[in-house]
Amino acid sequence: MNVFENGIRLGSGVEYEFDMIIFALGFDAATGALSDLEVKGTGGKVLKDCWERRLETFSGALVPGFPNMFIFCGLNIGKTIRHMEENKLDTIDVSEKPAYAWSYHLREAFKATLFAESAKAAKAWFVGANIPGKAIDPLFYFGGVSTWASWLDKETKTGWESMKFSPSVATDVERKEAPIHSGGQIALGSPSVAA
């Protein structure tokens, strides 16, 4: 493939003209922004260190050992927070076993695609292969939105059986009068949610 003045010329010689060509090189998709921050979980473990070996989440929404850290590409976060507020729960964390099961399922769904064989060699951004030293792992779910949503729906229907919750120590008055800290974070009661 070659880029010429008016577009792109394929190896076969076929030319395609474009008004604009946008290259996205070096983009650290999905995990890059979180890995650049020093996100610390239970026992002081650092998210970037956990993800160096392989990416593990539960349905792309929670990471085991990082309580109350919702990843905002996950469905049902609002329902989960409402459940926590209604039941006076302060923290949520996903257990290791369901996170491992989801991550295994995610990898198997990816292996069933046409992308799987060539992603590493092509230095595909959607597996992190474009970032030197990054673990090669699917960064997105390739099994379809309805299957993805079913994993999260199962959680709400079973009372979040894969999750570990901690009850709130704040009283109703403290929760109602919780000061808003700089950055718009609620200080007491339920998980810290941007106000």
C-alpha atoms as a PDB file:
ATOM      1  CA  MET A   1       0.000   0.000   0.000  1.00  0.00           C
ATOM      2  CA  ASN A   2       1.206   3.502  -0.829  1.00  0.00           C
ATOM      3  CA  VAL A   3      -0.147   6.910  -0.023  1.00  0.00           C
ATOM      4  CA  PHE A   4      -0.052   9.305  -2.957  1.00  0.00           C
ATOM      5  CA  GLU A   5      -1.171  12.911  -3.463  1.00  0.00           C
ATOM      6  CA  ASN A   6      -4.874  12.118  -3.982  1.00  0.00           C
ATOM      7  CA  GLY A   7      -5.367   8.970  -1.932  1.00  0.00           C
ATOM      8  CA  ILE A   8      -4.171   5.421  -1.371  1.00  0.00           C
ATOM      9  CA  ARG A   9      -2.773   2.898  -3.854  1.00  0.00           C
ATOM     10  CA  LEU A  10      -3.114  -0.769  -2.865  1.00  0.00           C
ATOM     11  CA  GLY A  11      -0.494  -3.424  -3.625  1.00  0.00           C
ATOM     12  CA  SER A  12      -2.760  -4.651  -6.433  1.00  0.00           C
ATOM     13  CA  GLY A  13      -2.430  -1.247  -8.106  1.00  0.00           C
ATOM     14  CA  VAL A  14      -6.018  -0.182  -7.400  1.00  0.00           C
ATOM     15  CA  GLU A  15      -6.186   3.474  -6.369  1.00  0.00           C
ATOM     16  CA  TYR A  16      -8.724   5.106  -4.085  1.00  0.00           C
ATOM     17  CA  GLU A  17      -9.007   8.888  -3.953  1.00  0.00           C
ATOM     18  CA  PHE A  18      -9.761  10.628  -0.684  1.00  0.00           C
ATOM     19  CA  ASP A  19     -10.160  14.234   0.405  1.00  0.00           C
ATOM     20  CA  MET A  20      -8.590  13.393   3.739  1.00  0.00           C
ATOM     21  CA  ILE A  21      -6.644  10.493   5.257  1.00  0.00           C
ATOM     22  CA  ILE A  22      -6.417  10.293   9.022  1.00  0.00           C
ATOM     23  CA  PHE A  23      -3.670   8.210  10.605  1.00  0.00           C
ATOM     24  CA  ALA A  24      -4.048   7.183  14.237  1.00  0.00           C
ATOM     25  CA  LEU A  25      -0.616   5.877  15.132  1.00  0.00           C
ATOM     26  CA  GLY A  26       0.547   5.206  18.680  1.00  0.00           C
ATOM     27  CA  PHE A  27      -2.947   5.366  20.124  1.00  0.00           C
ATOM     28  CA  ASP A  28      -3.157   3.407  23.390  1.00  0.00           C
ATOM     29  CA  ALA A  29      -6.805   2.382  23.197  1.00  0.00           C
ATOM     30  CA  ALA A  30      -9.087   1.424  26.078  1.00  0.00           C
ATOM     31  CA  THR A  31      -6.537   1.044  28.888  1.00  0.00           C
ATOM     32  CA  GLY A  32      -4.009   3.778  28.074  1.00  0.00           C
ATOM     33  CA  ALA A  33      -5.646   6.622  29.980  1.00  0.00           C
ATOM     34  CA  LEU A  34      -6.267   4.495  33.076  1.00  0.00           C
ATOM     35  CA  SER A  35      -2.761   3.043  32.967  1.00  0.00           C
ATOM     36  CA  ASP A  36      -1.251   6.532  32.776  1.00  0.00           C
ATOM     37  CA  LEU A  37      -2.912   7.421  36.080  1.00  0.00           C
ATOM     38  CA  GLU A  38      -1.692   5.836  39.281  1.00  0.00           C
ATOM     39  CA  VAL A  39      -4.960   4.113  40.135  1.00  0.00           C
ATOM     40  CA  LYS A  40      -4.494   2.185  43.381  1.00  0.00           C
ATOM     41  CA  GLY A  41      -6.724  -0.588  44.630  1.00  0.00           C
ATOM     42  CA  THR A  42      -6.953  -2.770  47.703  1.00  0.00           C
ATOM     43  CA  GLY A  43      -3.609  -3.209  49.434  1.00  0.00           C
ATOM     44  CA  GLY A  44      -2.032  -0.461  47.323  1.00  0.00           C
ATOM     45  CA  LYS A  45      -1.849  -2.509  44.125  1.00  0.00           C
ATOM     46  CA  VAL A  46      -1.558  -0.370  41.000  1.00  0.00           C
ATOM     47  CA  LEU A  47      -3.932  -0.931  38.075  1.00  0.00           C
ATOM     48  CA  LYS A  48      -1.198  -0.545  35.460  1.00  0.00           C
ATOM     49  CA  ASP A  49       0.835  -3.297  37.148  1.00  0.00           C
ATOM     50  CA  CYS A  50      -2.187  -5.604  37.219  1.00  0.00           C
ATOM     51  CA  TRP A  51      -2.862  -5.029  33.521  1.00  0.00           C
ATOM     52  CA  GLU A  52       0.769  -5.482  32.388  1.00  0.00           C
ATOM     53  CA  ARG A  53       0.360  -9.259  32.405  1.00  0.00           C
ATOM     54  CA  ARG A  54      -3.176  -9.353  31.001  1.00  0.00           C
ATOM     55  CA  LEU A  55      -6.339  -7.309  31.009  1.00  0.00           C
ATOM     56  CA  GLU A  56      -8.949  -8.527  33.473  1.00  0.00           C
ATOM     57  CA  THR A  57     -12.311  -6.937  34.118  1.00  0.00           C
ATOM     58  CA  PHE A  58     -15.836  -8.106  34.730  1.00  0.00           C
ATOM     59  CA  SER A  59     -17.861  -7.268  31.625  1.00  0.00           C
ATOM     60  CA  GLY A  60     -15.648  -4.247  31.048  1.00  0.00           C
ATOM     61  CA  ALA A  61     -17.322  -2.570  34.025  1.00  0.00           C
ATOM     62  CA  LEU A  62     -15.367  -3.506  37.171  1.00  0.00           C
ATOM     63  CA  VAL A  63     -11.824  -4.611  38.004  1.00  0.00           C
ATOM     64  CA  PRO A  64     -11.242  -7.065  40.874  1.00  0.00           C
ATOM     65  CA  GLY A  65      -9.398  -5.442  43.762  1.00  0.00           C
ATOM     66  CA  PHE A  66     -10.409  -1.899  42.766  1.00  0.00           C
ATOM     67  CA  PRO A  67     -13.582  -1.218  44.780  1.00  0.00           C
ATOM     68  CA  ASN A  68     -16.049   1.340  43.407  1.00  0.00           C
ATOM     69  CA  MET A  69     -14.015   1.824  40.238  1.00  0.00           C
ATOM     70  CA  PHE A  70     -16.618   1.598  37.523  1.00  0.00           C
ATOM     71  CA  ILE A  71     -15.319   1.703  33.976  1.00  0.00           C
ATOM     72  CA  PHE A  72     -17.842   3.819  32.169  1.00  0.00           C
ATOM     73  CA  CYS A  73     -18.170   1.648  29.088  1.00  0.00           C
ATOM     74  CA  GLY A  74     -20.056  -0.850  31.243  1.00  0.00           C
ATOM     75  CA  LEU A  75     -23.827  -1.213  31.164  1.00  0.00           C
ATOM     76  CA  ASN A  76     -26.001  -1.268  34.304  1.00  0.00           C
ATOM     77  CA  ILE A  77     -23.751   1.029  36.331  1.00  0.00           C
ATOM     78  CA  GLY A  78     -26.715   3.262  37.189  1.00  0.00           C
ATOM     79  CA  LYS A  79     -28.769   0.268  38.382  1.00  0.00           C
ATOM     80  CA  THR A  80     -25.848  -0.917  40.485  1.00  0.00           C
ATOM     81  CA  ILE A  81     -25.337   2.476  42.127  1.00  0.00           C
ATOM     82  CA  ARG A  82     -29.092   2.759  42.791  1.00  0.00           C
ATOM     83  CA  HIS A  83     -29.007  -0.723  44.401  1.00  0.00           C
ATOM     84  CA  MET A  84     -26.102   0.398  46.577  1.00  0.00           C
ATOM     85  CA  GLU A  85     -27.842   3.600  47.631  1.00  0.00           C
ATOM     86  CA  GLU A  86     -31.147   1.849  48.395  1.00  0.00           C
ATOM     87  CA  ASN A  87     -29.382  -0.828  50.448  1.00  0.00           C
ATOM     88  CA  LYS A  88     -26.926   1.540  52.148  1.00  0.00           C
ATOM     89  CA  LEU A  89     -23.862  -0.141  50.700  1.00  0.00           C
ATOM     90  CA  ASP A  90     -20.570   1.758  50.546  1.00  0.00           C
ATOM     91  CA  THR A  91     -18.361  -0.398  48.376  1.00  0.00           C
ATOM     92  CA  ILE A  92     -18.621  -2.861  45.529  1.00  0.00           C
ATOM     93  CA  ASP A  93     -15.878  -5.108  44.243  1.00  0.00           C
ATOM     94  CA  VAL A  94     -16.048  -7.973  41.806  1.00  0.00           C
ATOM     95  CA  SER A  95     -14.760 -11.363  42.895  1.00  0.00           C
ATOM     96  CA  GLU A  96     -11.748 -12.838  41.081  1.00  0.00           C
ATOM     97  CA  LYS A  97     -13.559 -15.919  39.745  1.00  0.00           C
ATOM     98  CA  PRO A  98     -16.286 -14.105  37.737  1.00  0.00           C
ATOM     99  CA  ALA A  99     -13.739 -11.577  36.436  1.00  0.00           C
ATOM    100  CA  TYR A 100     -11.559 -14.459  35.261  1.00  0.00           C
ATOM    101  CA  ALA A 101     -14.608 -16.188  33.692  1.00  0.00           C
ATOM    102  CA  TRP A 102     -15.561 -12.998  31.832  1.00  0.00           C
ATOM    103  CA  SER A 103     -12.001 -12.392  30.657  1.00  0.00           C
ATOM    104  CA  TYR A 104     -11.759 -15.995  29.426  1.00  0.00           C
ATOM    105  CA  HIS A 105     -15.094 -15.617  27.592  1.00  0.00           C
ATOM    106  CA  LEU A 106     -13.906 -12.324  26.053  1.00  0.00           C
ATOM    107  CA  ARG A 107     -10.730 -13.997  24.742  1.00  0.00           C
ATOM    108  CA  GLU A 108     -12.675 -16.976  23.353  1.00  0.00           C
ATOM    109  CA  ALA A 109     -15.129 -14.649  21.574  1.00  0.00           C
ATOM    110  CA  PHE A 110     -12.169 -12.808  20.055  1.00  0.00           C
ATOM    111  CA  LYS A 111     -10.517 -16.060  18.914  1.00  0.00           C
ATOM    112  CA  ALA A 112     -13.680 -16.822  16.906  1.00  0.00           C
ATOM    113  CA  THR A 113     -13.231 -13.680  14.776  1.00  0.00           C
ATOM    114  CA  LEU A 114     -11.297 -13.145  11.574  1.00  0.00           C
ATOM    115  CA  PHE A 115      -9.168 -10.552  13.387  1.00  0.00           C
ATOM    116  CA  ALA A 116      -7.622 -12.955  15.871  1.00  0.00           C
ATOM    117  CA  GLU A 117      -4.951 -14.520  13.666  1.00  0.00           C
ATOM    118  CA  SER A 118      -3.558 -11.323  12.203  1.00  0.00           C
ATOM    119  CA  ALA A 119      -4.074  -8.773  14.989  1.00  0.00           C
ATOM    120  CA  LYS A 120      -0.641  -9.177  16.579  1.00  0.00           C
ATOM    121  CA  ALA A 121       1.278  -9.199  13.280  1.00  0.00           C
ATOM    122  CA  ALA A 122      -0.699  -6.200  12.048  1.00  0.00           C
ATOM    123  CA  LYS A 123       0.084  -4.344  15.293  1.00  0.00           C
ATOM    124  CA  ALA A 124      -3.649  -3.817  15.773  1.00  0.00           C
ATOM    125  CA  TRP A 125      -4.643  -1.149  18.283  1.00  0.00           C
ATOM    126  CA  PHE A 126      -7.693  -3.151  19.461  1.00  0.00           C
ATOM    127  CA  VAL A 127      -5.381  -5.739  21.071  1.00  0.00           C
ATOM    128  CA  GLY A 128      -2.703  -3.263  22.191  1.00  0.00           C
ATOM    129  CA  ALA A 129      -0.166  -4.586  19.667  1.00  0.00           C
ATOM    130  CA  ASN A 130       0.653  -1.047  18.521  1.00  0.00           C
ATOM    131  CA  ILE A 131       2.178  -0.202  21.927  1.00  0.00           C
ATOM    132  CA  PRO A 132       5.676  -1.657  22.506  1.00  0.00           C
ATOM    133  CA  GLY A 133       5.789  -3.861  25.598  1.00  0.00           C
ATOM    134  CA  LYS A 134       2.021  -3.901  26.121  1.00  0.00           C
ATOM    135  CA  ALA A 135       0.408  -7.295  26.705  1.00  0.00           C
ATOM    136  CA  ILE A 136      -1.417  -8.467  23.591  1.00  0.00           C
ATOM    137  CA  ASP A 137      -5.023  -8.971  24.659  1.00  0.00           C
ATOM    138  CA  PRO A 138      -8.406  -8.057  23.171  1.00  0.00           C
ATOM    139  CA  LEU A 139      -9.382  -4.663  24.575  1.00  0.00           C
ATOM    140  CA  PHE A 140     -13.006  -4.895  23.468  1.00  0.00           C
ATOM    141  CA  TYR A 141     -15.698  -7.555  23.455  1.00  0.00           C
ATOM    142  CA  PHE A 142     -16.266  -9.144  20.050  1.00  0.00           C
ATOM    143  CA  GLY A 143     -19.167 -11.424  21.039  1.00  0.00           C
ATOM    144  CA  GLY A 144     -22.008  -8.986  20.366  1.00  0.00           C
ATOM    145  CA  VAL A 145     -23.798  -6.387  22.468  1.00  0.00           C
ATOM    146  CA  SER A 146     -26.704  -8.667  23.431  1.00  0.00           C
ATOM    147  CA  THR A 147     -24.364 -11.338  24.840  1.00  0.00           C
ATOM    148  CA  TRP A 148     -22.362  -8.673  26.672  1.00  0.00           C
ATOM    149  CA  ALA A 149     -25.523  -7.155  28.143  1.00  0.00           C
ATOM    150  CA  SER A 150     -26.735 -10.606  29.250  1.00  0.00           C
ATOM    151  CA  TRP A 151     -23.691 -10.979  31.539  1.00  0.00           C
ATOM    152  CA  LEU A 152     -24.584  -7.737  33.298  1.00  0.00           C
ATOM    153  CA  ASP A 153     -28.335  -8.407  33.322  1.00  0.00           C
ATOM    154  CA  LYS A 154     -27.648 -11.729  35.058  1.00  0.00           C
ATOM    155  CA  GLU A 155     -25.926  -9.797  37.837  1.00  0.00           C
ATOM    156  CA  THR A 156     -28.889  -7.511  38.464  1.00  0.00           C
ATOM    157  CA  LYS A 157     -31.344 -10.440  38.299  1.00  0.00           C
ATOM    158  CA  THR A 158     -29.341 -12.555  40.776  1.00  0.00           C
ATOM    159  CA  GLY A 159     -28.778  -9.705  43.213  1.00  0.00           C
ATOM    160  CA  TRP A 160     -25.217  -9.108  42.039  1.00  0.00           C
ATOM    161  CA  GLU A 161     -24.041 -12.575  43.113  1.00  0.00           C
ATOM    162  CA  SER A 162     -20.556 -12.063  41.637  1.00  0.00           C
ATOM    163  CA  MET A 163     -20.001  -8.900  43.649  1.00  0.00           C
ATOM    164  CA  LYS A 164     -18.761  -8.236  47.151  1.00  0.00           C
ATOM    165  CA  PHE A 165     -20.490  -5.354  48.925  1.00  0.00           C
ATOM    166  CA  SER A 166     -19.653  -3.568  52.175  1.00  0.00           C
ATOM    167  CA  PRO A 167     -22.365  -1.855  54.206  1.00  0.00           C
ATOM    168  CA  SER A 168     -22.273   1.871  54.740  1.00  0.00           C
ATOM    169  CA  VAL A 169     -20.964   3.223  58.018  1.00  0.00           C
ATOM    170  CA  ALA A 170     -22.505   6.638  57.341  1.00  0.00           C
ATOM    171  CA  THR A 171     -25.833   7.493  58.950  1.00  0.00           C
ATOM    172  CA  ASP A 172     -28.754   8.743  56.862  1.00  0.00           C
ATOM    173  CA  VAL A 173     -28.090  12.278  58.148  1.00  0.00           C
ATOM    174  CA  GLU A 174     -24.380  12.093  57.240  1.00  0.00           C
ATOM    175  CA  ARG A 175     -25.253  10.704  53.830  1.00  0.00           C
ATOM    176  CA  LYS A 176     -27.788  13.483  53.196  1.00  0.00           C
ATOM    177  CA  GLU A 177     -25.424  16.203  54.420  1.00  0.00           C
ATOM    178  CA  ALA A 178     -22.248  14.787  52.859  1.00  0.00           C
ATOM    179  CA  PRO A 179     -20.026  17.654  51.741  1.00  0.00           C
ATOM    180  CA  ILE A 180     -19.063  17.876  48.108  1.00  0.00           C
ATOM    181  CA  HIS A 181     -15.268  17.898  47.811  1.00  0.00           C
ATOM    182  CA  SER A 182     -13.356  19.639  45.063  1.00  0.00           C
ATOM    183  CA  GLY A 183     -13.721  17.701  41.850  1.00  0.00           C
ATOM    184  CA  GLY A 184     -17.401  17.138  42.588  1.00  0.00           C
ATOM    185  CA  GLN A 185     -16.980  13.950  44.631  1.00  0.00           C
ATOM    186  CA  ILE A 186     -19.458  12.947  47.299  1.00  0.00           C
ATOM    187  CA  ALA A 187     -17.546  12.311  50.508  1.00  0.00           C
ATOM    188  CA  LEU A 188     -19.828   9.931  52.454  1.00  0.00           C
ATOM    189  CA  GLY A 189     -22.325   7.207  51.705  1.00  0.00           C
ATOM    190  CA  SER A 190     -22.610   5.043  48.616  1.00  0.00           C
ATOM    191  CA  PRO A 191     -19.715   4.931  46.183  1.00  0.00           C
ATOM    192  CA  SER A 192     -17.944   8.125  45.213  1.00  0.00           C
ATOM    193  CA  VAL A 193     -19.952   9.406  42.291  1.00  0.00           C
ATOM    194  CA  ALA A 194     -19.311  12.612  40.365  1.00  0.00           C
ATOM    195  CA  ALA A 195     -21.964  15.118  41.432  1.00  0.00           C
END
